[in-house]
Amino acid sequence: MKDFVEIALETHLFFARIMKEHAIFLQAGFPCKNKEWIKRAEYYQEEFGEILKQVLEISDGRVDRMVLKSRELVTEFTIPAEKVTQHLTGIPINCGLTALEGKLRPGCGMEEDEKTVRIVERINKKAIWLLCGFIDFKENILEEVRAGNLFTANYPLLLEHIIREAKLYCSILEDLKADGEISCDCIREKEEFWNCIMMEHALFIRGLLDPCEEKLIGTADDFAMQYKKLLEMAKKQDCRATGELTEKSLEETLKYRKFKAAGTEGILECKIASIILPLLADHVLREANHYIRILESRDRK
């Protein structure tokens, strides 16, 4: 069983980066007139970047080899995507953190000292506090958008989507705080959560592609439909049939990863007509990689 420190560090290395990027996408989506909203999003970008920095300082030699191998933390596209996104939006992005994350070495299951445990507990506490504020901020944006008081280039469903991801991050840290570990009995809930996330990625992608990209739009629609079927299948099955669902989810997500990787490369090379930021394309690719690792670890048990 993974220890408290390893679980916490791996959680932050993935999710703190995801939150930092949510803040970037929020900044990029606001009109120039919404300076206060932009400032608040910028604050969360900086704060989650600081969480990531603190975690990176103690993560070398403490992360599972499979996490590093999965490319859920950093892909070959992440730094190029950050640089192009910074150029396109004018939003400063610290590529140095990404370079450090890409150089992490795997751990060897060593027992942690009390000092490291205390450092991780402080980081967890700060992250939970930040997440509570960030969730409130995202929910406030959604409320104002629905009321017709605020414009953003981000879909209301995307706002709901990033709220759910922040809540998942927070719930993992709360579990660690209470029990020192994460429950392994909720694989079905994890699959339902991530199948929904994957379905929504497909819906966002098809909505951000230029209408001329008919083939890619059709492929995105197909993926959305397949994940919708997996979600419906999960509702009908009992717990004993989850193995079949896991296999189908893994098979679909492996195909989806190829689509997302090709899309990220195409967007970076300006070969795909869209309004998709390169960093958003890489972001959803990393989330697919993360989900594949979860499914494969379930398969190995």
C-alpha atoms as a PDB file:
ATOM      1  CA  MET A   1       0.000   0.000   0.000  1.00  0.00           C
ATOM      2  CA  LYS A   2       1.267   3.459  -0.863  1.00  0.00           C
ATOM      3  CA  ASP A   3       2.137   5.636   2.078  1.00  0.00           C
ATOM      4  CA  PHE A   4       0.677   9.009   2.994  1.00  0.00           C
ATOM      5  CA  VAL A   5       3.558  11.064   1.563  1.00  0.00           C
ATOM      6  CA  GLU A   6       3.652   9.288  -1.795  1.00  0.00           C
ATOM      7  CA  ILE A   7      -0.117   9.535  -2.321  1.00  0.00           C
ATOM      8  CA  ALA A   8      -0.163  13.215  -1.366  1.00  0.00           C
ATOM      9  CA  LEU A   9       2.763  14.158  -3.612  1.00  0.00           C
ATOM     10  CA  GLU A  10       1.354  12.296  -6.621  1.00  0.00           C
ATOM     11  CA  THR A  11      -2.048  13.904  -6.060  1.00  0.00           C
ATOM     12  CA  HIS A  12      -0.563  17.406  -5.972  1.00  0.00           C
ATOM     13  CA  LEU A  13       1.771  16.833  -8.927  1.00  0.00           C
ATOM     14  CA  PHE A  14      -1.235  16.000 -11.095  1.00  0.00           C
ATOM     15  CA  PHE A  15      -4.038  18.125  -9.659  1.00  0.00           C
ATOM     16  CA  ALA A  16      -2.175  21.309  -8.660  1.00  0.00           C
ATOM     17  CA  ARG A  17      -1.083  21.627 -12.285  1.00  0.00           C
ATOM     18  CA  ILE A  18      -4.661  20.979 -13.433  1.00  0.00           C
ATOM     19  CA  MET A  19      -5.940  23.733 -11.092  1.00  0.00           C
ATOM     20  CA  LYS A  20      -3.220  26.140 -12.223  1.00  0.00           C
ATOM     21  CA  GLU A  21      -4.320  25.587 -15.799  1.00  0.00           C
ATOM     22  CA  HIS A  22      -8.004  26.003 -14.931  1.00  0.00           C
ATOM     23  CA  ALA A  23      -7.048  29.463 -13.669  1.00  0.00           C
ATOM     24  CA  ILE A  24      -5.241  30.189 -16.949  1.00  0.00           C
ATOM     25  CA  PHE A  25      -8.276  29.132 -19.006  1.00  0.00           C
ATOM     26  CA  LEU A  26     -10.530  31.316 -16.851  1.00  0.00           C
ATOM     27  CA  GLN A  27      -8.227  34.329 -17.337  1.00  0.00           C
ATOM     28  CA  ALA A  28      -8.109  33.760 -21.089  1.00  0.00           C
ATOM     29  CA  GLY A  29     -11.907  33.514 -21.267  1.00  0.00           C
ATOM     30  CA  PHE A  30     -12.766  36.863 -19.666  1.00  0.00           C
ATOM     31  CA  PRO A  31     -13.152  40.098 -21.676  1.00  0.00           C
ATOM     32  CA  CYS A  32     -10.618  42.853 -20.863  1.00  0.00           C
ATOM     33  CA  LYS A  33     -13.278  44.846 -18.962  1.00  0.00           C
ATOM     34  CA  ASN A  34     -13.489  42.151 -16.256  1.00  0.00           C
ATOM     35  CA  LYS A  35     -10.200  43.124 -14.623  1.00  0.00           C
ATOM     36  CA  GLU A  36     -11.197  42.024 -11.107  1.00  0.00           C
ATOM     37  CA  TRP A  37     -12.272  38.578 -12.297  1.00  0.00           C
ATOM     38  CA  ILE A  38      -9.018  38.245 -14.239  1.00  0.00           C
ATOM     39  CA  LYS A  39      -7.002  39.258 -11.150  1.00  0.00           C
ATOM     40  CA  ARG A  40      -8.727  36.640  -9.016  1.00  0.00           C
ATOM     41  CA  ALA A  41      -8.043  33.924 -11.590  1.00  0.00           C
ATOM     42  CA  GLU A  42      -4.428  35.099 -11.793  1.00  0.00           C
ATOM     43  CA  TYR A  43      -4.169  34.790  -8.000  1.00  0.00           C
ATOM     44  CA  TYR A  44      -5.194  31.113  -8.139  1.00  0.00           C
ATOM     45  CA  GLN A  45      -2.785  30.454 -11.003  1.00  0.00           C
ATOM     46  CA  GLU A  46       0.055  31.814  -8.873  1.00  0.00           C
ATOM     47  CA  GLU A  47      -1.026  30.039  -5.687  1.00  0.00           C
ATOM     48  CA  PHE A  48      -1.428  26.607  -7.271  1.00  0.00           C
ATOM     49  CA  GLY A  49       1.878  27.200  -9.041  1.00  0.00           C
ATOM     50  CA  GLU A  50       3.407  27.759  -5.600  1.00  0.00           C
ATOM     51  CA  ILE A  51       1.833  24.513  -4.315  1.00  0.00           C
ATOM     52  CA  LEU A  52       3.340  22.706  -7.303  1.00  0.00           C
ATOM     53  CA  LYS A  53       6.740  24.319  -6.654  1.00  0.00           C
ATOM     54  CA  GLN A  54       6.744  23.263  -2.990  1.00  0.00           C
ATOM     55  CA  VAL A  55       5.749  19.713  -3.920  1.00  0.00           C
ATOM     56  CA  LEU A  56       8.434  19.475  -6.613  1.00  0.00           C
ATOM     57  CA  GLU A  57      11.082  20.420  -4.042  1.00  0.00           C
ATOM     58  CA  ILE A  58      10.457  17.164  -2.143  1.00  0.00           C
ATOM     59  CA  SER A  59       9.157  14.816  -4.879  1.00  0.00           C
ATOM     60  CA  ASP A  60      12.332  13.575  -6.551  1.00  0.00           C
ATOM     61  CA  GLY A  61      12.775   9.900  -5.654  1.00  0.00           C
ATOM     62  CA  ARG A  62       9.344   9.723  -4.001  1.00  0.00           C
ATOM     63  CA  VAL A  63       6.940   9.182  -6.915  1.00  0.00           C
ATOM     64  CA  ASP A  64       5.698   5.857  -8.258  1.00  0.00           C
ATOM     65  CA  ARG A  65       7.366   4.789 -11.512  1.00  0.00           C
ATOM     66  CA  MET A  66       3.967   4.104 -13.112  1.00  0.00           C
ATOM     67  CA  VAL A  67       2.810   7.672 -12.422  1.00  0.00           C
ATOM     68  CA  LEU A  68       5.879   9.088 -14.178  1.00  0.00           C
ATOM     69  CA  LYS A  69       5.592   6.587 -17.031  1.00  0.00           C
ATOM     70  CA  SER A  70       1.893   7.385 -17.595  1.00  0.00           C
ATOM     71  CA  ARG A  71       2.664  10.958 -18.760  1.00  0.00           C
ATOM     72  CA  GLU A  72      -0.199  12.262 -16.683  1.00  0.00           C
ATOM     73  CA  LEU A  73       2.112  14.861 -15.109  1.00  0.00           C
ATOM     74  CA  VAL A  74       3.888  16.124 -18.229  1.00  0.00           C
ATOM     75  CA  THR A  75       3.788  15.099 -21.893  1.00  0.00           C
ATOM     76  CA  GLU A  76       6.160  15.861 -24.755  1.00  0.00           C
ATOM     77  CA  PHE A  77       3.712  18.620 -25.744  1.00  0.00           C
ATOM     78  CA  THR A  78       3.363  20.407 -22.379  1.00  0.00           C
ATOM     79  CA  ILE A  79       6.221  22.922 -22.592  1.00  0.00           C
ATOM     80  CA  PRO A  80       5.576  23.799 -26.274  1.00  0.00           C
ATOM     81  CA  ALA A  81       1.860  24.169 -25.433  1.00  0.00           C
ATOM     82  CA  GLU A  82       2.677  26.462 -22.496  1.00  0.00           C
ATOM     83  CA  LYS A  83       4.957  28.632 -24.631  1.00  0.00           C
ATOM     84  CA  VAL A  84       2.445  29.010 -27.457  1.00  0.00           C
ATOM     85  CA  THR A  85      -0.435  29.646 -25.032  1.00  0.00           C
ATOM     86  CA  GLN A  86       1.622  32.333 -23.278  1.00  0.00           C
ATOM     87  CA  HIS A  87       2.364  33.940 -26.654  1.00  0.00           C
ATOM     88  CA  LEU A  88      -1.288  33.842 -27.761  1.00  0.00           C
ATOM     89  CA  THR A  89      -2.866  35.073 -24.512  1.00  0.00           C
ATOM     90  CA  GLY A  90      -0.157  37.210 -22.911  1.00  0.00           C
ATOM     91  CA  ILE A  91      -0.642  35.220 -19.681  1.00  0.00           C
ATOM     92  CA  PRO A  92       2.761  34.446 -18.071  1.00  0.00           C
ATOM     93  CA  ILE A  93       3.289  30.692 -17.609  1.00  0.00           C
ATOM     94  CA  ASN A  94       6.191  29.236 -15.631  1.00  0.00           C
ATOM     95  CA  CYS A  95       7.644  26.549 -17.915  1.00  0.00           C
ATOM     96  CA  GLY A  96      10.413  25.965 -15.366  1.00  0.00           C
ATOM     97  CA  LEU A  97       8.004  24.037 -13.150  1.00  0.00           C
ATOM     98  CA  THR A  98       7.146  21.792 -16.078  1.00  0.00           C
ATOM     99  CA  ALA A  99      10.822  21.154 -16.822  1.00  0.00           C
ATOM    100  CA  LEU A 100      11.396  20.158 -13.182  1.00  0.00           C
ATOM    101  CA  GLU A 101       8.347  17.902 -13.162  1.00  0.00           C
ATOM    102  CA  GLY A 102       9.570  16.183 -16.313  1.00  0.00           C
ATOM    103  CA  LYS A 103      12.903  15.357 -14.625  1.00  0.00           C
ATOM    104  CA  LEU A 104      11.475  13.622 -11.549  1.00  0.00           C
ATOM    105  CA  ARG A 105      12.957  10.219 -10.730  1.00  0.00           C
ATOM    106  CA  PRO A 106      10.868   7.343  -9.345  1.00  0.00           C
ATOM    107  CA  GLY A 107      10.862   6.347  -5.693  1.00  0.00           C
ATOM    108  CA  CYS A 108      12.023   3.144  -4.069  1.00  0.00           C
ATOM    109  CA  GLY A 109       9.416   2.811  -1.304  1.00  0.00           C
ATOM    110  CA  MET A 110      11.564   4.262   1.457  1.00  0.00           C
ATOM    111  CA  GLU A 111      10.024   5.011   4.835  1.00  0.00           C
ATOM    112  CA  GLU A 112       9.415   8.722   5.311  1.00  0.00           C
ATOM    113  CA  ASP A 113      10.874  10.792   8.134  1.00  0.00           C
ATOM    114  CA  GLU A 114       8.729  12.911  10.434  1.00  0.00           C
ATOM    115  CA  LYS A 115       9.998  16.176   8.933  1.00  0.00           C
ATOM    116  CA  THR A 116       8.805  15.263   5.428  1.00  0.00           C
ATOM    117  CA  VAL A 117       5.430  14.119   6.762  1.00  0.00           C
ATOM    118  CA  ARG A 118       4.980  17.475   8.522  1.00  0.00           C
ATOM    119  CA  ILE A 119       5.904  19.392   5.345  1.00  0.00           C
ATOM    120  CA  VAL A 120       3.362  17.386   3.332  1.00  0.00           C
ATOM    121  CA  GLU A 121       0.667  17.941   5.962  1.00  0.00           C
ATOM    122  CA  ARG A 122       1.249  21.710   5.723  1.00  0.00           C
ATOM    123  CA  ILE A 123       1.040  21.606   1.929  1.00  0.00           C
ATOM    124  CA  ASN A 124      -2.181  19.572   2.116  1.00  0.00           C
ATOM    125  CA  LYS A 125      -3.723  22.040   4.558  1.00  0.00           C
ATOM    126  CA  LYS A 126      -2.821  25.003   2.345  1.00  0.00           C
ATOM    127  CA  ALA A 127      -4.136  23.235  -0.766  1.00  0.00           C
ATOM    128  CA  ILE A 128      -7.488  22.430   0.893  1.00  0.00           C
ATOM    129  CA  TRP A 129      -7.846  26.068   1.934  1.00  0.00           C
ATOM    130  CA  LEU A 130      -7.019  27.238  -1.601  1.00  0.00           C
ATOM    131  CA  LEU A 131      -9.394  24.728  -3.159  1.00  0.00           C
ATOM    132  CA  CYS A 132     -12.307  25.880  -1.018  1.00  0.00           C
ATOM    133  CA  GLY A 133     -11.732  29.420  -2.278  1.00  0.00           C
ATOM    134  CA  PHE A 134     -11.204  28.328  -5.878  1.00  0.00           C
ATOM    135  CA  ILE A 135     -14.382  26.242  -5.881  1.00  0.00           C
ATOM    136  CA  ASP A 136     -16.332  29.239  -4.537  1.00  0.00           C
ATOM    137  CA  PHE A 137     -14.776  31.429  -7.235  1.00  0.00           C
ATOM    138  CA  LYS A 138     -15.712  29.006 -10.016  1.00  0.00           C
ATOM    139  CA  GLU A 139     -19.251  28.621  -8.662  1.00  0.00           C
ATOM    140  CA  ASN A 140     -19.568  32.405  -8.476  1.00  0.00           C
ATOM    141  CA  ILE A 141     -18.532  32.688 -12.136  1.00  0.00           C
ATOM    142  CA  LEU A 142     -21.114  30.064 -13.106  1.00  0.00           C
ATOM    143  CA  GLU A 143     -23.877  31.828 -11.155  1.00  0.00           C
ATOM    144  CA  GLU A 144     -23.065  35.189 -12.757  1.00  0.00           C
ATOM    145  CA  VAL A 145     -22.926  33.658 -16.242  1.00  0.00           C
ATOM    146  CA  ARG A 146     -26.289  31.948 -15.760  1.00  0.00           C
ATOM    147  CA  ALA A 147     -27.791  35.193 -14.478  1.00  0.00           C
ATOM    148  CA  GLY A 148     -26.584  37.038 -17.587  1.00  0.00           C
ATOM    149  CA  ASN A 149     -24.283  39.307 -15.576  1.00  0.00           C
ATOM    150  CA  LEU A 150     -20.938  38.005 -16.819  1.00  0.00           C
ATOM    151  CA  PHE A 151     -19.488  36.860 -20.135  1.00  0.00           C
ATOM    152  CA  THR A 152     -16.807  34.221 -20.544  1.00  0.00           C
ATOM    153  CA  ALA A 153     -15.621  32.251 -23.554  1.00  0.00           C
ATOM    154  CA  ASN A 154     -15.851  29.130 -21.371  1.00  0.00           C
ATOM    155  CA  TYR A 155     -19.045  27.081 -21.642  1.00  0.00           C
ATOM    156  CA  PRO A 156     -21.234  26.826 -18.511  1.00  0.00           C
ATOM    157  CA  LEU A 157     -20.758  23.038 -18.733  1.00  0.00           C
ATOM    158  CA  LEU A 158     -16.985  23.552 -18.740  1.00  0.00           C
ATOM    159  CA  LEU A 159     -17.348  25.620 -15.556  1.00  0.00           C
ATOM    160  CA  GLU A 160     -19.344  22.784 -13.952  1.00  0.00           C
ATOM    161  CA  HIS A 161     -16.685  20.364 -15.201  1.00  0.00           C
ATOM    162  CA  ILE A 162     -13.767  22.224 -13.581  1.00  0.00           C
ATOM    163  CA  ILE A 163     -15.750  22.655 -10.352  1.00  0.00           C
ATOM    164  CA  ARG A 164     -16.171  18.868 -10.140  1.00  0.00           C
ATOM    165  CA  GLU A 165     -12.453  18.309 -10.728  1.00  0.00           C
ATOM    166  CA  ALA A 166     -11.559  20.771  -7.963  1.00  0.00           C
ATOM    167  CA  LYS A 167     -13.988  19.022  -5.612  1.00  0.00           C
ATOM    168  CA  LEU A 168     -12.391  15.653  -6.417  1.00  0.00           C
ATOM    169  CA  TYR A 169      -8.919  17.032  -5.606  1.00  0.00           C
ATOM    170  CA  CYS A 170     -10.231  18.449  -2.335  1.00  0.00           C
ATOM    171  CA  SER A 171     -11.989  15.187  -1.392  1.00  0.00           C
ATOM    172  CA  ILE A 172      -8.776  13.188  -1.927  1.00  0.00           C
ATOM    173  CA  LEU A 173      -6.884  15.538   0.394  1.00  0.00           C
ATOM    174  CA  GLU A 174      -9.684  15.409   2.971  1.00  0.00           C
ATOM    175  CA  ASP A 175      -9.539  11.579   2.893  1.00  0.00           C
ATOM    176  CA  LEU A 176      -5.786  11.721   3.462  1.00  0.00           C
ATOM    177  CA  LYS A 177      -6.276  14.130   6.340  1.00  0.00           C
ATOM    178  CA  ALA A 178      -8.850  11.866   7.996  1.00  0.00           C
ATOM    179  CA  ASP A 179      -7.419   8.393   7.316  1.00  0.00           C
ATOM    180  CA  GLY A 180      -3.912   8.835   5.934  1.00  0.00           C
ATOM    181  CA  GLU A 181      -4.957   6.950   2.780  1.00  0.00           C
ATOM    182  CA  ILE A 182      -7.491   6.903  -0.052  1.00  0.00           C
ATOM    183  CA  SER A 183     -10.265   4.342  -0.135  1.00  0.00           C
ATOM    184  CA  CYS A 184      -9.684   1.674  -2.795  1.00  0.00           C
ATOM    185  CA  ASP A 185     -13.309   0.558  -2.665  1.00  0.00           C
ATOM    186  CA  CYS A 186     -14.649   3.292  -4.939  1.00  0.00           C
ATOM    187  CA  ILE A 187     -13.340   2.164  -8.357  1.00  0.00           C
ATOM    188  CA  ARG A 188     -16.886   2.192  -9.758  1.00  0.00           C
ATOM    189  CA  GLU A 189     -17.382   5.816  -8.665  1.00  0.00           C
ATOM    190  CA  LYS A 190     -13.968   6.730 -10.112  1.00  0.00           C
ATOM    191  CA  GLU A 191     -14.855   5.185 -13.456  1.00  0.00           C
ATOM    192  CA  GLU A 192     -18.209   6.963 -13.582  1.00  0.00           C
ATOM    193  CA  PHE A 193     -16.516  10.253 -12.693  1.00  0.00           C
ATOM    194  CA  TRP A 194     -13.785   9.960 -15.323  1.00  0.00           C
ATOM    195  CA  ASN A 195     -16.071   8.538 -18.021  1.00  0.00           C
ATOM    196  CA  CYS A 196     -18.232  11.630 -17.540  1.00  0.00           C
ATOM    197  CA  ILE A 197     -15.136  13.854 -17.720  1.00  0.00           C
ATOM    198  CA  MET A 198     -14.009  12.112 -20.936  1.00  0.00           C
ATOM    199  CA  MET A 199     -17.478  12.487 -22.467  1.00  0.00           C
ATOM    200  CA  GLU A 200     -17.493  16.198 -21.677  1.00  0.00           C
ATOM    201  CA  HIS A 201     -14.012  16.624 -23.164  1.00  0.00           C
ATOM    202  CA  ALA A 202     -15.401  15.277 -26.439  1.00  0.00           C
ATOM    203  CA  LEU A 203     -18.338  17.691 -26.273  1.00  0.00           C
ATOM    204  CA  PHE A 204     -16.013  20.651 -25.608  1.00  0.00           C
ATOM    205  CA  ILE A 205     -13.616  19.624 -28.380  1.00  0.00           C
ATOM    206  CA  ARG A 206     -16.396  19.343 -30.978  1.00  0.00           C
ATOM    207  CA  GLY A 207     -17.740  22.741 -29.907  1.00  0.00           C
ATOM    208  CA  LEU A 208     -14.344  24.445 -30.184  1.00  0.00           C
ATOM    209  CA  LEU A 209     -13.422  22.998 -33.575  1.00  0.00           C
ATOM    210  CA  ASP A 210     -14.042  25.102 -36.664  1.00  0.00           C
ATOM    211  CA  PRO A 211     -17.159  23.952 -38.580  1.00  0.00           C
ATOM    212  CA  CYS A 212     -14.910  23.042 -41.525  1.00  0.00           C
ATOM    213  CA  GLU A 213     -13.299  20.256 -39.440  1.00  0.00           C
ATOM    214  CA  GLU A 214     -16.199  17.903 -40.182  1.00  0.00           C
ATOM    215  CA  LYS A 215     -14.216  14.669 -39.792  1.00  0.00           C
ATOM    216  CA  LEU A 216     -12.767  15.648 -36.395  1.00  0.00           C
ATOM    217  CA  ILE A 217     -16.170  16.875 -35.208  1.00  0.00           C
ATOM    218  CA  GLY A 218     -17.676  13.530 -36.215  1.00  0.00           C
ATOM    219  CA  THR A 219     -14.939  11.644 -34.337  1.00  0.00           C
ATOM    220  CA  ALA A 220     -15.458  13.791 -31.225  1.00  0.00           C
ATOM    221  CA  ASP A 221     -19.206  13.115 -31.420  1.00  0.00           C
ATOM    222  CA  ASP A 222     -18.506   9.382 -31.654  1.00  0.00           C
ATOM    223  CA  PHE A 223     -16.329   9.476 -28.526  1.00  0.00           C
ATOM    224  CA  ALA A 224     -18.993  11.435 -26.646  1.00  0.00           C
ATOM    225  CA  MET A 225     -21.579   8.809 -27.613  1.00  0.00           C
ATOM    226  CA  GLN A 226     -19.325   5.909 -26.563  1.00  0.00           C
ATOM    227  CA  TYR A 227     -18.716   7.417 -23.112  1.00  0.00           C
ATOM    228  CA  LYS A 228     -22.424   8.128 -22.759  1.00  0.00           C
ATOM    229  CA  LYS A 229     -23.042   4.415 -23.395  1.00  0.00           C
ATOM    230  CA  LEU A 230     -20.436   3.486 -20.766  1.00  0.00           C
ATOM    231  CA  LEU A 231     -22.186   5.740 -18.241  1.00  0.00           C
ATOM    232  CA  GLU A 232     -25.539   4.120 -19.048  1.00  0.00           C
ATOM    233  CA  MET A 233     -23.934   0.679 -18.767  1.00  0.00           C
ATOM    234  CA  ALA A 234     -22.592   1.568 -15.298  1.00  0.00           C
ATOM    235  CA  LYS A 235     -26.099   2.448 -14.097  1.00  0.00           C
ATOM    236  CA  LYS A 236     -27.490  -0.917 -15.202  1.00  0.00           C
ATOM    237  CA  GLN A 237     -24.713  -3.172 -13.895  1.00  0.00           C
ATOM    238  CA  ASP A 238     -24.236  -4.533 -10.416  1.00  0.00           C
ATOM    239  CA  CYS A 239     -20.874  -4.400  -8.618  1.00  0.00           C
ATOM    240  CA  ARG A 240     -19.856  -7.886  -9.831  1.00  0.00           C
ATOM    241  CA  ALA A 241     -19.839  -6.732 -13.457  1.00  0.00           C
ATOM    242  CA  THR A 242     -17.451  -3.819 -12.977  1.00  0.00           C
ATOM    243  CA  GLY A 243     -14.563  -5.788 -14.538  1.00  0.00           C
ATOM    244  CA  GLU A 244     -16.258  -5.743 -17.937  1.00  0.00           C
ATOM    245  CA  LEU A 245     -16.944  -2.021 -17.627  1.00  0.00           C
ATOM    246  CA  THR A 246     -13.304  -1.371 -16.711  1.00  0.00           C
ATOM    247  CA  GLU A 247     -12.116  -3.260 -19.798  1.00  0.00           C
ATOM    248  CA  LYS A 248     -14.470  -1.332 -22.075  1.00  0.00           C
ATOM    249  CA  SER A 249     -13.517   2.003 -20.457  1.00  0.00           C
ATOM    250  CA  LEU A 250      -9.812   1.229 -20.879  1.00  0.00           C
ATOM    251  CA  GLU A 251     -10.241   0.170 -24.503  1.00  0.00           C
ATOM    252  CA  GLU A 252     -12.153   3.368 -25.312  1.00  0.00           C
ATOM    253  CA  THR A 253      -9.766   5.661 -23.440  1.00  0.00           C
ATOM    254  CA  LEU A 254      -6.679   4.192 -25.129  1.00  0.00           C
ATOM    255  CA  LYS A 255      -8.262   5.079 -28.494  1.00  0.00           C
ATOM    256  CA  TYR A 256      -9.280   8.483 -27.147  1.00  0.00           C
ATOM    257  CA  ARG A 257      -5.717   9.201 -26.007  1.00  0.00           C
ATOM    258  CA  LYS A 258      -4.462   8.705 -29.570  1.00  0.00           C
ATOM    259  CA  PHE A 259      -7.102  11.129 -30.828  1.00  0.00           C
ATOM    260  CA  LYS A 260      -6.191  13.718 -28.189  1.00  0.00           C
ATOM    261  CA  ALA A 261      -2.437  13.348 -28.793  1.00  0.00           C
ATOM    262  CA  ALA A 262      -2.888  13.777 -32.550  1.00  0.00           C
ATOM    263  CA  GLY A 263      -5.148  16.763 -31.889  1.00  0.00           C
ATOM    264  CA  THR A 264      -2.635  18.415 -29.561  1.00  0.00           C
ATOM    265  CA  GLU A 265       0.129  17.982 -32.123  1.00  0.00           C
ATOM    266  CA  GLY A 266      -2.111  19.279 -34.908  1.00  0.00           C
ATOM    267  CA  ILE A 267      -3.108  22.361 -32.910  1.00  0.00           C
ATOM    268  CA  LEU A 268       0.535  23.125 -32.040  1.00  0.00           C
ATOM    269  CA  GLU A 269       1.471  22.824 -35.718  1.00  0.00           C
ATOM    270  CA  CYS A 270      -1.517  25.003 -36.786  1.00  0.00           C
ATOM    271  CA  LYS A 271      -2.888  22.133 -38.890  1.00  0.00           C
ATOM    272  CA  ILE A 272      -6.302  22.077 -37.174  1.00  0.00           C
ATOM    273  CA  ALA A 273      -8.791  24.935 -37.472  1.00  0.00           C
ATOM    274  CA  SER A 274     -10.135  25.611 -33.981  1.00  0.00           C
ATOM    275  CA  ILE A 275     -10.322  28.017 -31.061  1.00  0.00           C
ATOM    276  CA  ILE A 276      -8.651  25.467 -28.765  1.00  0.00           C
ATOM    277  CA  LEU A 277      -5.683  26.764 -26.780  1.00  0.00           C
ATOM    278  CA  PRO A 278      -2.714  24.374 -27.153  1.00  0.00           C
ATOM    279  CA  LEU A 279      -2.469  24.089 -23.363  1.00  0.00           C
ATOM    280  CA  LEU A 280      -6.127  23.023 -23.159  1.00  0.00           C
ATOM    281  CA  ALA A 281      -5.434  20.285 -25.712  1.00  0.00           C
ATOM    282  CA  ASP A 282      -2.460  19.024 -23.674  1.00  0.00           C
ATOM    283  CA  HIS A 283      -4.479  19.382 -20.454  1.00  0.00           C
ATOM    284  CA  VAL A 284      -7.206  16.986 -21.622  1.00  0.00           C
ATOM    285  CA  LEU A 285      -4.551  14.582 -22.951  1.00  0.00           C
ATOM    286  CA  ARG A 286      -2.928  14.406 -19.499  1.00  0.00           C
ATOM    287  CA  GLU A 287      -6.305  13.732 -17.900  1.00  0.00           C
ATOM    288  CA  ALA A 288      -6.801  10.806 -20.297  1.00  0.00           C
ATOM    289  CA  ASN A 289      -3.339   9.501 -19.334  1.00  0.00           C
ATOM    290  CA  HIS A 290      -4.274   9.788 -15.653  1.00  0.00           C
ATOM    291  CA  TYR A 291      -7.500   7.859 -16.193  1.00  0.00           C
ATOM    292  CA  ILE A 292      -5.718   5.139 -18.181  1.00  0.00           C
ATOM    293  CA  ARG A 293      -3.308   4.594 -15.282  1.00  0.00           C
ATOM    294  CA  ILE A 294      -6.250   4.248 -12.877  1.00  0.00           C
ATOM    295  CA  LEU A 295      -7.911   1.705 -15.175  1.00  0.00           C
ATOM    296  CA  GLU A 296      -4.695  -0.248 -15.754  1.00  0.00           C
ATOM    297  CA  SER A 297      -3.959  -0.399 -12.026  1.00  0.00           C
ATOM    298  CA  ARG A 298      -7.467  -1.810 -11.536  1.00  0.00           C
ATOM    299  CA  ASP A 299      -6.756  -4.363 -14.289  1.00  0.00           C
ATOM    300  CA  ARG A 300      -3.576  -5.538 -12.523  1.00  0.00           C
ATOM    301  CA  LYS A 301      -5.406  -6.262  -9.232  1.00  0.00           C
END
